[in-house]
């Protein structure tokens, strides 16, 4: 199962859990599995079937440009990286 790291600002939806393992062979299926476990979390990760704006996703250390179709291996590490504002 893939390891998914939850950003600190979204852990309110996971009860404080920072890392979970879920099954899925694509990013879309990973997000669906997360939403089944933590209802409502997919709204933070996706927007109308695409990766939410202001969010990057790293799969095994590489930022994906394939969106929800990005392939995920059984032992992949997935990091959701929200944009950081500053000025």
Protein backbone atom coordinates (compact mmCIF):
# COMPACT_ATOMS: atom_id res chain seq x y z
CA UNK A 1 0.00 0.00 0.00
CA UNK A 2 1.13 3.53 -0.74
CA UNK A 3 2.16 5.87 2.08
CA UNK A 4 0.38 9.23 2.01
CA UNK A 5 1.64 12.19 4.02
CA UNK A 6 -1.08 14.62 5.09
CA UNK A 7 -0.17 18.33 5.29
CA UNK A 8 -0.42 19.75 8.84
CA UNK A 9 -3.15 22.23 7.89
CA UNK A 10 -5.43 19.36 6.72
CA UNK A 11 -5.00 17.04 9.67
CA UNK A 12 -8.22 18.38 11.16
CA UNK A 13 -9.93 15.96 8.75
CA UNK A 14 -7.79 13.00 9.79
CA UNK A 15 -8.02 13.41 13.55
CA UNK A 16 -4.38 14.51 13.62
CA UNK A 17 -3.05 11.57 11.61
CA UNK A 18 0.00 12.65 9.61
CA UNK A 19 0.65 9.49 7.56
CA UNK A 20 -1.66 6.79 6.27
CA UNK A 21 -1.33 3.83 3.97
CA UNK A 22 -3.98 3.22 1.33
CA UNK A 23 -4.41 1.10 -1.77
CA UNK A 24 -4.73 2.51 -5.26
CA UNK A 25 -2.92 2.33 -8.57
CA UNK A 26 -3.53 5.97 -9.52
CA UNK A 27 -3.62 9.25 -7.66
CA UNK A 28 -7.37 9.46 -8.25
CA UNK A 29 -7.92 6.10 -6.58
CA UNK A 30 -5.66 7.10 -3.69
CA UNK A 31 -7.73 10.25 -3.16
CA UNK A 32 -10.95 8.19 -3.31
CA UNK A 33 -9.54 5.76 -0.71
CA UNK A 34 -8.57 8.68 1.52
CA UNK A 35 -12.06 10.15 1.19
CA UNK A 36 -13.62 6.81 2.14
CA UNK A 37 -11.51 6.79 5.29
CA UNK A 38 -11.70 10.52 6.03
CA UNK A 39 -14.94 11.88 4.52
CA UNK A 40 -14.54 15.33 2.98
CA UNK A 41 -10.78 15.20 2.47
CA UNK A 42 -11.07 14.83 -1.31
CA UNK A 43 -12.49 18.37 -1.50
CA UNK A 44 -9.11 19.65 -0.32
CA UNK A 45 -7.12 17.53 -2.76
CA UNK A 46 -9.22 17.80 -5.88
CA UNK A 47 -11.46 20.16 -7.81
CA UNK A 48 -13.82 18.70 -10.41
CA UNK A 49 -11.64 15.66 -10.94
CA UNK A 50 -8.34 17.54 -11.15
CA UNK A 51 -5.69 18.32 -8.55
CA UNK A 52 -6.86 21.38 -6.62
CA UNK A 53 -5.31 24.68 -7.67
CA UNK A 54 -2.52 25.81 -5.41
CA UNK A 55 -1.55 22.21 -4.73
CA UNK A 56 1.33 20.12 -6.05
CA UNK A 57 1.65 16.38 -5.60
CA UNK A 58 4.92 14.51 -5.28
CA UNK A 59 4.94 10.78 -6.00
CA UNK A 60 8.20 9.08 -5.10
CA UNK A 61 10.04 12.40 -5.04
CA UNK A 62 8.83 13.73 -8.39
CA UNK A 63 6.13 16.37 -8.87
CA UNK A 64 3.48 14.85 -11.09
CA UNK A 65 2.03 16.64 -14.09
CA UNK A 66 -0.42 13.79 -14.85
CA UNK A 67 -3.01 14.88 -12.31
CA UNK A 68 -5.37 12.26 -10.95
CA UNK A 69 -4.23 9.83 -13.66
CA UNK A 70 -0.69 9.69 -12.26
CA UNK A 71 0.30 6.08 -11.60
CA UNK A 72 1.03 4.97 -8.06
CA UNK A 73 3.05 1.89 -7.16
CA UNK A 74 2.26 -0.32 -4.15
CA UNK A 75 5.14 1.15 -2.12
CA UNK A 76 4.98 4.73 -3.37
CA UNK A 77 5.29 7.77 -1.12
CA UNK A 78 2.83 10.55 -1.85
CA UNK A 79 3.14 14.09 -0.54
CA UNK A 80 0.47 16.76 -1.04
CA UNK A 81 2.21 20.14 -1.11
CA UNK A 82 -0.04 23.17 -0.60
CA UNK A 83 1.17 26.51 -1.90
CA UNK A 84 2.79 28.69 0.71
CA UNK A 85 1.91 32.36 0.60
CA UNK A 86 4.34 35.06 1.46
CA UNK A 87 5.40 38.46 0.58
